[in-house]
Amino acid sequence: MRVETAEFARAAHQSGDFPRDGRPEIAFAGRSNVGKSSLMNRLLGRKGLARTSSTPGRTQAVHYYAVNRRFYFVDLPGYGYAKAGKEDRRRWGALVDGYLQQALPRAQVILLVDGKVGATVLDEQAYQYLLTLGAEPIVAVTKIDRVTRSRRSAVLKSVRDTLNLGESVPVIAVSAESGEGTQELWGEMTRHLEGHA
C-alpha cells in the first residue's frame, strides 16, 4: 500500500469523540511500551507522527490518524501499566471497550506482543476478550530485531501456543527499527481495507 498522506485526526477521550464517518480502521492494541506508536510510524513512513515515549502509559486517549483520507490508523491506550492508579485503569478499560464495541467489524485489530518478553497472561486475556467481541485479531510480534535469529522461531511458536492461536491466525514478526515484517503486515491490513472499502 502506498501511503500518500497521513495526519493526526483526533484524540478521543470519551465515546462521544469517536468519528462516525464510516471509514475502515486499523486498530493497534497491546501492553504499555510494546511499541504501538513506533510501529505505526514505521508503517506510515512518518517518523514523529504518532508520539512515542520510553515511559509506559503515555497514550491515555484513542488517537486517530487519517491515512490517504480513506481509512484510520487507531492507537489504543496500552494495558498492564502497573503504576497507573485503579481509577485510571478503569477509565482506560472503559474507553477501549467503548471503542471496540462501536468499531467492530469495521476495524481490524492488530494485537502487538513484545518479542523480547513473549506473550504474557495479559496478552492472553486481551486476545480472548477481542474474540468475545467478534474481532479476528492479527498478532504482530514486535521488537523482533532484538531477538537472535536462532531464537525467533521458538519465540513465535511460544506466542502462538500461549495465546492458543489456530493455524489460520496470522502471527507476523515485525520491527519498527529495521522494517522487517512490515510488508507482510501491510498485506494483511490491505485485505481488510479492501473488504471494507
N, C-alpha and C. Protein backbone atom coordinates (compact mmCIF):
# COMPACT_ATOMS: atom_id res chain seq x y z
N MET A 1 0.85 -1.19 0.00
CA MET A 1 0.00 0.00 0.00
C MET A 1 0.89 1.24 0.00
N ARG A 2 0.57 2.15 -0.88
CA ARG A 2 1.32 3.41 -0.94
C ARG A 2 0.66 4.43 -0.02
N VAL A 3 1.43 4.94 0.94
CA VAL A 3 0.91 5.95 1.86
C VAL A 3 1.22 7.32 1.28
N GLU A 4 0.19 8.00 0.82
CA GLU A 4 0.38 9.33 0.23
C GLU A 4 0.22 10.43 1.27
N THR A 5 -0.78 10.28 2.14
CA THR A 5 -0.98 11.26 3.21
C THR A 5 -1.25 10.52 4.52
N ALA A 6 -0.75 11.06 5.60
CA ALA A 6 -1.01 10.52 6.94
C ALA A 6 -0.96 11.69 7.90
N GLU A 7 -2.04 11.90 8.63
CA GLU A 7 -2.08 13.05 9.54
C GLU A 7 -2.90 12.73 10.77
N PHE A 8 -2.52 13.36 11.87
CA PHE A 8 -3.28 13.21 13.10
C PHE A 8 -4.68 13.76 12.88
N ALA A 9 -5.70 12.98 13.25
CA ALA A 9 -7.08 13.40 13.04
C ALA A 9 -7.74 13.87 14.33
N ARG A 10 -7.64 13.06 15.38
CA ARG A 10 -8.24 13.47 16.65
C ARG A 10 -7.84 12.52 17.78
N ALA A 11 -7.98 13.01 19.01
CA ALA A 11 -7.81 12.19 20.21
C ALA A 11 -9.17 12.07 20.86
N ALA A 12 -9.64 10.84 21.04
CA ALA A 12 -10.95 10.62 21.67
C ALA A 12 -10.74 10.27 23.14
N HIS A 13 -11.27 11.12 24.02
CA HIS A 13 -11.16 10.88 25.46
C HIS A 13 -12.41 10.23 26.03
N GLN A 14 -13.48 10.21 25.22
CA GLN A 14 -14.72 9.54 25.63
C GLN A 14 -15.44 9.10 24.36
N SER A 15 -16.43 8.24 24.53
CA SER A 15 -17.06 7.61 23.36
C SER A 15 -17.70 8.62 22.41
N GLY A 16 -18.15 9.76 22.93
CA GLY A 16 -18.74 10.77 22.06
C GLY A 16 -17.75 11.39 21.10
N ASP A 17 -16.44 11.18 21.34
CA ASP A 17 -15.39 11.76 20.48
C ASP A 17 -15.05 10.88 19.29
N PHE A 18 -15.55 9.63 19.25
CA PHE A 18 -15.18 8.72 18.17
C PHE A 18 -15.75 9.23 16.84
N PRO A 19 -14.96 9.18 15.75
CA PRO A 19 -15.50 9.57 14.44
C PRO A 19 -16.65 8.64 14.04
N ARG A 20 -17.61 9.18 13.33
CA ARG A 20 -18.75 8.37 12.90
C ARG A 20 -18.89 8.46 11.37
N ASP A 21 -17.76 8.54 10.68
CA ASP A 21 -17.84 8.75 9.22
C ASP A 21 -17.80 7.44 8.43
N GLY A 22 -17.72 6.30 9.12
CA GLY A 22 -17.82 5.00 8.45
C GLY A 22 -16.56 4.53 7.76
N ARG A 23 -15.45 5.27 7.89
CA ARG A 23 -14.21 4.81 7.26
C ARG A 23 -13.70 3.54 7.96
N PRO A 24 -13.07 2.63 7.21
CA PRO A 24 -12.47 1.45 7.86
C PRO A 24 -11.31 1.87 8.76
N GLU A 25 -11.00 1.01 9.73
CA GLU A 25 -9.98 1.34 10.72
C GLU A 25 -9.05 0.16 10.95
N ILE A 26 -7.80 0.49 11.24
CA ILE A 26 -6.82 -0.50 11.69
C ILE A 26 -6.43 -0.08 13.10
N ALA A 27 -6.81 -0.88 14.09
CA ALA A 27 -6.58 -0.52 15.49
C ALA A 27 -5.41 -1.31 16.06
N PHE A 28 -4.49 -0.61 16.72
CA PHE A 28 -3.30 -1.23 17.29
C PHE A 28 -3.48 -1.34 18.81
N ALA A 29 -3.47 -2.57 19.32
CA ALA A 29 -3.67 -2.84 20.74
C ALA A 29 -2.45 -3.58 21.28
N GLY A 30 -2.21 -3.44 22.58
CA GLY A 30 -1.10 -4.17 23.20
C GLY A 30 -0.72 -3.59 24.54
N ARG A 31 0.19 -4.25 25.22
CA ARG A 31 0.64 -3.79 26.53
C ARG A 31 1.34 -2.44 26.39
N SER A 32 1.38 -1.71 27.49
CA SER A 32 2.13 -0.45 27.52
C SER A 32 3.57 -0.72 27.13
N ASN A 33 4.12 0.14 26.28
CA ASN A 33 5.52 0.06 25.85
C ASN A 33 5.83 -1.11 24.91
N VAL A 34 4.79 -1.67 24.27
CA VAL A 34 5.03 -2.77 23.34
C VAL A 34 5.53 -2.25 21.99
N GLY A 35 5.36 -0.93 21.75
CA GLY A 35 5.87 -0.35 20.51
C GLY A 35 4.79 -0.02 19.49
N LYS A 36 3.56 0.26 19.96
CA LYS A 36 2.46 0.56 19.02
C LYS A 36 2.77 1.80 18.18
N SER A 37 3.11 2.90 18.86
CA SER A 37 3.34 4.16 18.13
C SER A 37 4.53 4.04 17.18
N SER A 38 5.59 3.40 17.62
CA SER A 38 6.78 3.23 16.76
C SER A 38 6.45 2.42 15.52
N LEU A 39 5.68 1.35 15.69
CA LEU A 39 5.33 0.52 14.54
C LEU A 39 4.42 1.29 13.58
N MET A 40 3.46 2.04 14.12
CA MET A 40 2.59 2.84 13.27
C MET A 40 3.40 3.85 12.45
N ASN A 41 4.34 4.51 13.10
CA ASN A 41 5.19 5.47 12.38
C ASN A 41 5.95 4.79 11.26
N ARG A 42 6.48 3.59 11.54
CA ARG A 42 7.24 2.85 10.52
C ARG A 42 6.33 2.46 9.35
N LEU A 43 5.14 1.96 9.66
CA LEU A 43 4.22 1.54 8.61
C LEU A 43 3.80 2.71 7.72
N LEU A 44 3.67 3.88 8.35
CA LEU A 44 3.23 5.06 7.61
C LEU A 44 4.39 5.83 6.98
N GLY A 45 5.63 5.48 7.33
CA GLY A 45 6.78 6.20 6.81
C GLY A 45 6.86 7.62 7.31
N ARG A 46 6.37 7.85 8.54
CA ARG A 46 6.37 9.18 9.15
C ARG A 46 7.01 9.08 10.53
N LYS A 47 8.19 9.65 10.69
CA LYS A 47 8.94 9.44 11.93
C LYS A 47 8.24 9.85 13.21
N GLY A 48 7.74 11.06 13.29
CA GLY A 48 7.20 11.51 14.57
C GLY A 48 5.70 11.71 14.60
N LEU A 49 4.97 11.03 13.70
CA LEU A 49 3.53 11.27 13.63
C LEU A 49 2.83 10.81 14.91
N ALA A 50 2.96 9.53 15.24
CA ALA A 50 2.42 9.03 16.50
C ALA A 50 3.50 9.24 17.56
N ARG A 51 3.14 9.92 18.65
CA ARG A 51 4.14 10.26 19.67
C ARG A 51 4.59 9.01 20.41
N THR A 52 5.91 8.84 20.46
CA THR A 52 6.48 7.69 21.16
C THR A 52 7.09 8.16 22.47
N SER A 53 7.20 7.22 23.40
CA SER A 53 7.79 7.55 24.69
C SER A 53 8.35 6.28 25.30
N SER A 54 9.46 6.41 26.02
CA SER A 54 10.00 5.25 26.74
C SER A 54 9.26 5.05 28.05
N THR A 55 8.41 6.01 28.41
CA THR A 55 7.63 5.90 29.64
C THR A 55 6.32 5.19 29.34
N PRO A 56 6.04 4.05 30.00
CA PRO A 56 4.79 3.34 29.74
C PRO A 56 3.59 4.18 30.15
N GLY A 57 2.46 3.89 29.52
CA GLY A 57 1.21 4.53 29.93
C GLY A 57 0.99 5.92 29.39
N ARG A 58 1.77 6.33 28.39
CA ARG A 58 1.64 7.69 27.85
C ARG A 58 0.34 7.90 27.07
N THR A 59 -0.05 6.87 26.28
CA THR A 59 -1.26 7.01 25.47
C THR A 59 -2.48 6.77 26.36
N GLN A 60 -3.22 7.84 26.64
CA GLN A 60 -4.37 7.72 27.54
C GLN A 60 -5.68 8.04 26.83
N ALA A 61 -5.62 8.28 25.54
CA ALA A 61 -6.81 8.51 24.73
C ALA A 61 -6.72 7.58 23.52
N VAL A 62 -7.81 7.50 22.76
CA VAL A 62 -7.80 6.76 21.49
C VAL A 62 -7.40 7.77 20.41
N HIS A 63 -6.21 7.56 19.81
CA HIS A 63 -5.69 8.50 18.83
C HIS A 63 -5.96 8.00 17.41
N TYR A 64 -6.54 8.88 16.60
CA TYR A 64 -6.89 8.56 15.21
C TYR A 64 -5.93 9.28 14.26
N TYR A 65 -5.45 8.53 13.26
CA TYR A 65 -4.60 9.09 12.21
C TYR A 65 -5.26 8.77 10.87
N ALA A 66 -5.56 9.80 10.10
CA ALA A 66 -6.20 9.62 8.79
C ALA A 66 -5.12 9.28 7.76
N VAL A 67 -5.31 8.16 7.06
CA VAL A 67 -4.33 7.69 6.07
C VAL A 67 -4.98 7.75 4.68
N ASN A 68 -4.30 8.46 3.78
CA ASN A 68 -4.78 8.62 2.39
C ASN A 68 -6.22 9.15 2.35
N ARG A 69 -6.65 9.78 3.44
CA ARG A 69 -8.02 10.30 3.57
C ARG A 69 -9.07 9.22 3.33
N ARG A 70 -8.66 7.95 3.47
CA ARG A 70 -9.56 6.82 3.18
C ARG A 70 -9.87 5.98 4.41
N PHE A 71 -8.89 5.86 5.32
CA PHE A 71 -9.08 5.00 6.48
C PHE A 71 -8.25 5.55 7.64
N TYR A 72 -8.48 4.97 8.83
CA TYR A 72 -7.78 5.41 10.03
C TYR A 72 -6.84 4.33 10.57
N PHE A 73 -5.69 4.77 11.04
CA PHE A 73 -4.90 4.00 11.98
C PHE A 73 -5.34 4.49 13.36
N VAL A 74 -5.57 3.57 14.28
CA VAL A 74 -6.06 3.93 15.61
C VAL A 74 -5.11 3.38 16.66
N ASP A 75 -4.57 4.28 17.48
CA ASP A 75 -3.63 3.92 18.54
C ASP A 75 -4.41 3.83 19.85
N LEU A 76 -4.57 2.61 20.37
CA LEU A 76 -5.33 2.40 21.59
C LEU A 76 -4.42 2.52 22.82
N PRO A 77 -4.96 2.97 23.96
CA PRO A 77 -4.16 3.02 25.18
C PRO A 77 -3.65 1.61 25.53
N GLY A 78 -2.39 1.53 25.95
CA GLY A 78 -1.82 0.24 26.33
C GLY A 78 -2.40 -0.28 27.63
N TYR A 79 -2.41 -1.60 27.77
CA TYR A 79 -2.90 -2.20 29.01
C TYR A 79 -1.72 -2.70 29.84
N GLY A 80 -1.99 -2.91 31.14
CA GLY A 80 -1.00 -3.54 32.01
C GLY A 80 0.05 -2.62 32.59
N TYR A 81 -0.18 -1.30 32.57
CA TYR A 81 0.80 -0.38 33.16
C TYR A 81 0.60 -0.39 34.67
N ALA A 82 1.55 -1.01 35.38
CA ALA A 82 1.40 -1.29 36.81
C ALA A 82 1.28 -0.02 37.66
N LYS A 83 1.93 1.06 37.24
CA LYS A 83 1.94 2.27 38.09
C LYS A 83 0.69 3.13 37.92
N ALA A 84 -0.16 2.78 36.96
CA ALA A 84 -1.40 3.54 36.79
C ALA A 84 -2.33 3.22 37.95
N GLY A 85 -3.02 4.23 38.44
CA GLY A 85 -3.97 4.01 39.52
C GLY A 85 -5.17 3.20 39.05
N LYS A 86 -5.89 2.62 40.01
CA LYS A 86 -7.04 1.78 39.69
C LYS A 86 -8.09 2.55 38.88
N GLU A 87 -8.33 3.81 39.25
CA GLU A 87 -9.32 4.62 38.54
C GLU A 87 -8.88 4.89 37.09
N ASP A 88 -7.57 5.18 36.90
CA ASP A 88 -7.05 5.39 35.55
C ASP A 88 -7.23 4.13 34.71
N ARG A 89 -6.88 2.99 35.30
CA ARG A 89 -7.00 1.73 34.56
C ARG A 89 -8.47 1.45 34.20
N ARG A 90 -9.38 1.73 35.13
CA ARG A 90 -10.80 1.50 34.87
C ARG A 90 -11.28 2.41 33.72
N ARG A 91 -10.85 3.66 33.75
CA ARG A 91 -11.26 4.62 32.73
C ARG A 91 -10.72 4.22 31.36
N TRP A 92 -9.42 3.84 31.31
CA TRP A 92 -8.83 3.41 30.04
C TRP A 92 -9.56 2.18 29.51
N GLY A 93 -9.84 1.22 30.42
CA GLY A 93 -10.53 -0.01 30.00
C GLY A 93 -11.89 0.29 29.41
N ALA A 94 -12.64 1.19 30.06
CA ALA A 94 -13.97 1.56 29.56
C ALA A 94 -13.88 2.25 28.21
N LEU A 95 -12.85 3.08 28.03
CA LEU A 95 -12.66 3.79 26.76
C LEU A 95 -12.37 2.81 25.62
N VAL A 96 -11.46 1.86 25.88
CA VAL A 96 -11.11 0.88 24.85
C VAL A 96 -12.30 -0.02 24.54
N ASP A 97 -13.02 -0.43 25.59
CA ASP A 97 -14.20 -1.27 25.40
C ASP A 97 -15.24 -0.53 24.54
N GLY A 98 -15.47 0.75 24.88
CA GLY A 98 -16.41 1.56 24.11
C GLY A 98 -15.98 1.68 22.66
N TYR A 99 -14.67 1.86 22.44
CA TYR A 99 -14.15 1.97 21.08
C TYR A 99 -14.45 0.68 20.30
N LEU A 100 -14.08 -0.45 20.89
CA LEU A 100 -14.23 -1.73 20.18
C LEU A 100 -15.69 -2.05 19.91
N GLN A 101 -16.56 -1.76 20.86
CA GLN A 101 -17.98 -2.06 20.68
C GLN A 101 -18.55 -1.34 19.45
N GLN A 102 -18.10 -0.09 19.23
CA GLN A 102 -18.66 0.65 18.10
C GLN A 102 -17.87 0.47 16.80
N ALA A 103 -16.60 0.05 16.91
CA ALA A 103 -15.74 -0.01 15.71
C ALA A 103 -15.80 -1.34 14.97
N LEU A 104 -16.07 -2.43 15.69
CA LEU A 104 -16.10 -3.74 15.04
C LEU A 104 -17.42 -3.91 14.29
N PRO A 105 -17.43 -4.60 13.13
CA PRO A 105 -16.31 -5.25 12.44
C PRO A 105 -15.58 -4.34 11.45
N ARG A 106 -15.89 -3.04 11.46
CA ARG A 106 -15.23 -2.11 10.54
C ARG A 106 -13.73 -2.02 10.81
N ALA A 107 -13.34 -2.30 12.07
CA ALA A 107 -11.93 -2.20 12.46
C ALA A 107 -11.24 -3.56 12.43
N GLN A 108 -10.03 -3.58 11.91
CA GLN A 108 -9.16 -4.75 12.02
C GLN A 108 -8.23 -4.49 13.20
N VAL A 109 -8.21 -5.39 14.17
CA VAL A 109 -7.36 -5.20 15.34
C VAL A 109 -6.03 -5.93 15.14
N ILE A 110 -4.94 -5.18 15.35
CA ILE A 110 -3.61 -5.77 15.37
C ILE A 110 -3.20 -5.85 16.84
N LEU A 111 -3.04 -7.06 17.37
CA LEU A 111 -2.60 -7.23 18.75
C LEU A 111 -1.09 -7.38 18.76
N LEU A 112 -0.42 -6.43 19.40
CA LEU A 112 1.04 -6.43 19.44
C LEU A 112 1.53 -7.15 20.70
N VAL A 113 2.50 -8.04 20.51
CA VAL A 113 3.12 -8.79 21.60
C VAL A 113 4.62 -8.53 21.54
N ASP A 114 5.22 -8.20 22.67
CA ASP A 114 6.65 -7.88 22.74
C ASP A 114 7.48 -9.14 22.52
N GLY A 115 8.28 -9.15 21.45
CA GLY A 115 9.10 -10.31 21.12
C GLY A 115 10.18 -10.60 22.14
N LYS A 116 10.64 -9.58 22.85
CA LYS A 116 11.67 -9.80 23.88
C LYS A 116 11.08 -10.45 25.12
N VAL A 117 9.83 -10.12 25.42
CA VAL A 117 9.16 -10.60 26.64
C VAL A 117 8.37 -11.88 26.39
N GLY A 118 7.80 -11.99 25.18
CA GLY A 118 6.90 -13.10 24.89
C GLY A 118 5.48 -12.75 25.30
N ALA A 119 4.55 -13.61 24.97
CA ALA A 119 3.14 -13.37 25.32
C ALA A 119 2.95 -13.55 26.82
N THR A 120 2.28 -12.59 27.43
CA THR A 120 2.02 -12.62 28.86
C THR A 120 0.57 -13.03 29.12
N VAL A 121 0.24 -13.22 30.39
CA VAL A 121 -1.14 -13.53 30.78
C VAL A 121 -2.07 -12.41 30.31
N LEU A 122 -1.59 -11.15 30.43
CA LEU A 122 -2.41 -10.02 29.99
C LEU A 122 -2.67 -10.06 28.49
N ASP A 123 -1.66 -10.47 27.72
CA ASP A 123 -1.85 -10.60 26.26
C ASP A 123 -2.88 -11.69 25.96
N GLU A 124 -2.79 -12.78 26.71
CA GLU A 124 -3.74 -13.89 26.53
C GLU A 124 -5.17 -13.42 26.85
N GLN A 125 -5.32 -12.67 27.94
CA GLN A 125 -6.63 -12.15 28.31
C GLN A 125 -7.16 -11.17 27.25
N ALA A 126 -6.25 -10.33 26.75
CA ALA A 126 -6.65 -9.36 25.72
C ALA A 126 -7.12 -10.08 24.46
N TYR A 127 -6.40 -11.12 24.07
CA TYR A 127 -6.76 -11.86 22.86
C TYR A 127 -8.13 -12.52 23.03
N GLN A 128 -8.35 -13.15 24.17
CA GLN A 128 -9.65 -13.80 24.42
C GLN A 128 -10.78 -12.78 24.44
N TYR A 129 -10.50 -11.65 25.06
CA TYR A 129 -11.51 -10.57 25.13
C TYR A 129 -11.88 -10.10 23.72
N LEU A 130 -10.88 -9.92 22.86
CA LEU A 130 -11.15 -9.50 21.49
C LEU A 130 -12.01 -10.53 20.75
N LEU A 131 -11.73 -11.80 21.00
CA LEU A 131 -12.53 -12.85 20.36
C LEU A 131 -13.99 -12.77 20.80
N THR A 132 -14.22 -12.50 22.10
CA THR A 132 -15.60 -12.44 22.60
C THR A 132 -16.38 -11.30 21.94
N LEU A 133 -15.67 -10.27 21.49
CA LEU A 133 -16.33 -9.14 20.82
C LEU A 133 -16.53 -9.40 19.33
N GLY A 134 -16.03 -10.53 18.85
CA GLY A 134 -16.18 -10.86 17.44
C GLY A 134 -15.04 -10.39 16.56
N ALA A 135 -13.96 -9.89 17.19
CA ALA A 135 -12.78 -9.46 16.41
C ALA A 135 -12.02 -10.69 15.92
N GLU A 136 -11.28 -10.51 14.85
CA GLU A 136 -10.38 -11.56 14.35
C GLU A 136 -8.99 -10.95 14.29
N PRO A 137 -8.33 -10.86 15.46
CA PRO A 137 -7.07 -10.11 15.53
C PRO A 137 -5.94 -10.76 14.72
N ILE A 138 -5.09 -9.90 14.19
CA ILE A 138 -3.80 -10.31 13.65
C ILE A 138 -2.80 -10.09 14.78
N VAL A 139 -1.89 -11.03 14.98
CA VAL A 139 -0.90 -10.89 16.05
C VAL A 139 0.44 -10.48 15.42
N ALA A 140 0.96 -9.35 15.90
CA ALA A 140 2.27 -8.88 15.44
C ALA A 140 3.24 -8.95 16.61
N VAL A 141 4.34 -9.66 16.42
CA VAL A 141 5.35 -9.81 17.46
C VAL A 141 6.41 -8.74 17.22
N THR A 142 6.45 -7.73 18.11
CA THR A 142 7.29 -6.55 17.91
C THR A 142 8.72 -6.76 18.42
N LYS A 143 9.58 -5.81 18.05
CA LYS A 143 10.98 -5.76 18.50
C LYS A 143 11.75 -7.03 18.13
N ILE A 144 11.36 -7.63 17.00
CA ILE A 144 11.98 -8.90 16.60
C ILE A 144 13.46 -8.71 16.27
N ASP A 145 13.86 -7.47 15.96
CA ASP A 145 15.29 -7.21 15.69
C ASP A 145 16.14 -7.43 16.94
N ARG A 146 15.51 -7.44 18.12
CA ARG A 146 16.25 -7.65 19.36
C ARG A 146 16.26 -9.11 19.80
N VAL A 147 15.69 -9.98 18.96
CA VAL A 147 15.69 -11.42 19.23
C VAL A 147 16.67 -12.07 18.26
N THR A 148 17.57 -12.89 18.77
CA THR A 148 18.56 -13.52 17.88
C THR A 148 17.85 -14.41 16.86
N ARG A 149 18.46 -14.51 15.68
CA ARG A 149 17.83 -15.29 14.61
C ARG A 149 17.58 -16.73 15.04
N SER A 150 18.47 -17.28 15.83
CA SER A 150 18.33 -18.68 16.26
C SER A 150 17.14 -18.89 17.19
N ARG A 151 16.66 -17.81 17.83
CA ARG A 151 15.56 -17.93 18.79
C ARG A 151 14.20 -17.52 18.22
N ARG A 152 14.20 -16.94 17.04
CA ARG A 152 12.97 -16.34 16.54
C ARG A 152 11.83 -17.34 16.35
N SER A 153 12.11 -18.50 15.73
CA SER A 153 11.01 -19.44 15.50
C SER A 153 10.46 -19.95 16.83
N ALA A 154 11.32 -20.12 17.83
CA ALA A 154 10.85 -20.56 19.16
C ALA A 154 9.98 -19.49 19.80
N VAL A 155 10.36 -18.22 19.64
CA VAL A 155 9.57 -17.11 20.20
C VAL A 155 8.20 -17.07 19.54
N LEU A 156 8.14 -17.19 18.22
CA LEU A 156 6.86 -17.15 17.52
C LEU A 156 5.98 -18.34 17.90
N LYS A 157 6.60 -19.52 18.05
CA LYS A 157 5.83 -20.70 18.46
C LYS A 157 5.29 -20.52 19.88
N SER A 158 6.10 -19.94 20.76
CA SER A 158 5.67 -19.70 22.14
C SER A 158 4.48 -18.75 22.18
N VAL A 159 4.54 -17.68 21.37
CA VAL A 159 3.41 -16.73 21.31
C VAL A 159 2.16 -17.45 20.82
N ARG A 160 2.31 -18.23 19.77
CA ARG A 160 1.17 -18.97 19.21
C ARG A 160 0.57 -19.91 20.26
N ASP A 161 1.45 -20.63 20.99
CA ASP A 161 0.98 -21.59 21.99
C ASP A 161 0.32 -20.88 23.17
N THR A 162 0.95 -19.80 23.67
CA THR A 162 0.42 -19.09 24.85
C THR A 162 -0.94 -18.49 24.56
N LEU A 163 -1.10 -17.93 23.37
CA LEU A 163 -2.38 -17.31 23.01
C LEU A 163 -3.39 -18.33 22.48
N ASN A 164 -2.91 -19.59 22.33
CA ASN A 164 -3.77 -20.67 21.85
C ASN A 164 -4.38 -20.34 20.49
N LEU A 165 -3.50 -19.93 19.58
CA LEU A 165 -3.95 -19.48 18.26
C LEU A 165 -4.16 -20.65 17.32
N GLY A 166 -5.21 -20.56 16.53
CA GLY A 166 -5.42 -21.54 15.47
C GLY A 166 -4.43 -21.28 14.34
N GLU A 167 -4.29 -22.25 13.49
CA GLU A 167 -3.32 -22.14 12.39
C GLU A 167 -3.67 -21.01 11.43
N SER A 168 -4.94 -20.65 11.37
CA SER A 168 -5.35 -19.62 10.41
C SER A 168 -5.05 -18.20 10.88
N VAL A 169 -4.69 -18.04 12.16
CA VAL A 169 -4.42 -16.70 12.70
C VAL A 169 -3.00 -16.27 12.31
N PRO A 170 -2.87 -15.15 11.59
CA PRO A 170 -1.53 -14.71 11.21
C PRO A 170 -0.72 -14.25 12.43
N VAL A 171 0.53 -14.71 12.52
CA VAL A 171 1.48 -14.22 13.53
C VAL A 171 2.67 -13.68 12.74
N ILE A 172 2.87 -12.37 12.82
CA ILE A 172 3.88 -11.72 11.98
C ILE A 172 4.95 -11.09 12.85
N ALA A 173 6.20 -11.47 12.62
CA ALA A 173 7.33 -10.87 13.33
C ALA A 173 7.65 -9.53 12.69
N VAL A 174 7.67 -8.46 13.49
CA VAL A 174 7.89 -7.12 12.94
C VAL A 174 8.94 -6.36 13.75
N SER A 175 9.53 -5.40 13.09
CA SER A 175 10.48 -4.49 13.76
C SER A 175 10.26 -3.07 13.25
N ALA A 176 9.93 -2.18 14.18
CA ALA A 176 9.81 -0.77 13.81
C ALA A 176 11.18 -0.21 13.47
N GLU A 177 12.22 -0.81 14.02
CA GLU A 177 13.60 -0.35 13.82
C GLU A 177 14.09 -0.68 12.41
N SER A 178 13.98 -1.95 12.01
CA SER A 178 14.53 -2.39 10.73
C SER A 178 13.49 -2.43 9.60
N GLY A 179 12.22 -2.45 9.97
CA GLY A 179 11.17 -2.56 8.95
C GLY A 179 10.80 -3.99 8.62
N GLU A 180 11.49 -4.94 9.24
CA GLU A 180 11.20 -6.36 9.00
C GLU A 180 9.72 -6.65 9.27
N GLY A 181 9.10 -7.39 8.38
CA GLY A 181 7.73 -7.83 8.57
C GLY A 181 6.66 -6.81 8.22
N THR A 182 7.06 -5.57 7.94
CA THR A 182 6.04 -4.54 7.71
C THR A 182 5.28 -4.76 6.40
N GLN A 183 5.96 -5.27 5.38
CA GLN A 183 5.25 -5.53 4.11
C GLN A 183 4.22 -6.63 4.28
N GLU A 184 4.59 -7.66 5.04
CA GLU A 184 3.67 -8.76 5.30
C GLU A 184 2.45 -8.25 6.09
N LEU A 185 2.70 -7.39 7.07
CA LEU A 185 1.61 -6.83 7.86
C LEU A 185 0.71 -5.95 6.99
N TRP A 186 1.32 -5.14 6.11
CA TRP A 186 0.53 -4.33 5.18
C TRP A 186 -0.36 -5.22 4.32
N GLY A 187 0.17 -6.37 3.90
CA GLY A 187 -0.62 -7.30 3.09
C GLY A 187 -1.89 -7.74 3.81
N GLU A 188 -1.75 -8.08 5.08
CA GLU A 188 -2.92 -8.49 5.88
C GLU A 188 -3.90 -7.33 6.05
N MET A 189 -3.36 -6.15 6.35
CA MET A 189 -4.23 -4.99 6.57
C MET A 189 -4.96 -4.59 5.29
N THR A 190 -4.28 -4.68 4.16
CA THR A 190 -4.86 -4.30 2.88
C THR A 190 -6.05 -5.18 2.55
N ARG A 191 -5.95 -6.49 2.88
CA ARG A 191 -7.08 -7.39 2.65
C ARG A 191 -8.33 -6.90 3.39
N HIS A 192 -8.12 -6.47 4.64
CA HIS A 192 -9.24 -5.95 5.44
C HIS A 192 -9.78 -4.66 4.81
N LEU A 193 -8.89 -3.76 4.45
CA LEU A 193 -9.31 -2.46 3.92
C LEU A 193 -10.08 -2.63 2.62
N GLU A 194 -9.64 -3.55 1.78
CA GLU A 194 -10.33 -3.78 0.50
C GLU A 194 -11.72 -4.37 0.73
N GLY A 195 -11.85 -5.16 1.79
CA GLY A 195 -13.14 -5.77 2.10
C GLY A 195 -14.12 -4.80 2.74
N HIS A 196 -13.60 -3.65 3.21
CA HIS A 196 -14.47 -2.66 3.88
C HIS A 196 -14.41 -1.30 3.20
N ALA A 197 -14.04 -1.31 1.93
CA ALA A 197 -13.91 -0.04 1.20
C ALA A 197 -15.26 0.62 1.02
